[in-house]
């Protein structure tokens, strides 16, 4: 990505802003699905914190790995994609 910023900074910035816009749009729909109103009546016990905790954990893992990839995972991904 640094090569793209050096050679084509405008294109890189537009691409990054577009990705951020797409991520924000998807996040809007995900939040609406998780925390939005339901059209039908739910019985007691069908919705609660226990059902949302796994989703929050997965979103936290996804958000962390989208910003920071541990060295061991980066090495694993790099060696898996090497041409032999």
Foldseek 3Di string as FASTA:
>chain_A
DVVCCVPPVVVVVVVVVVVVVVVVVVVVVVCCVQPNDDPDDDDPPPDDPVVCVVVVVVVVVVVCCVVDDDPVRVVVVVVVPDDD
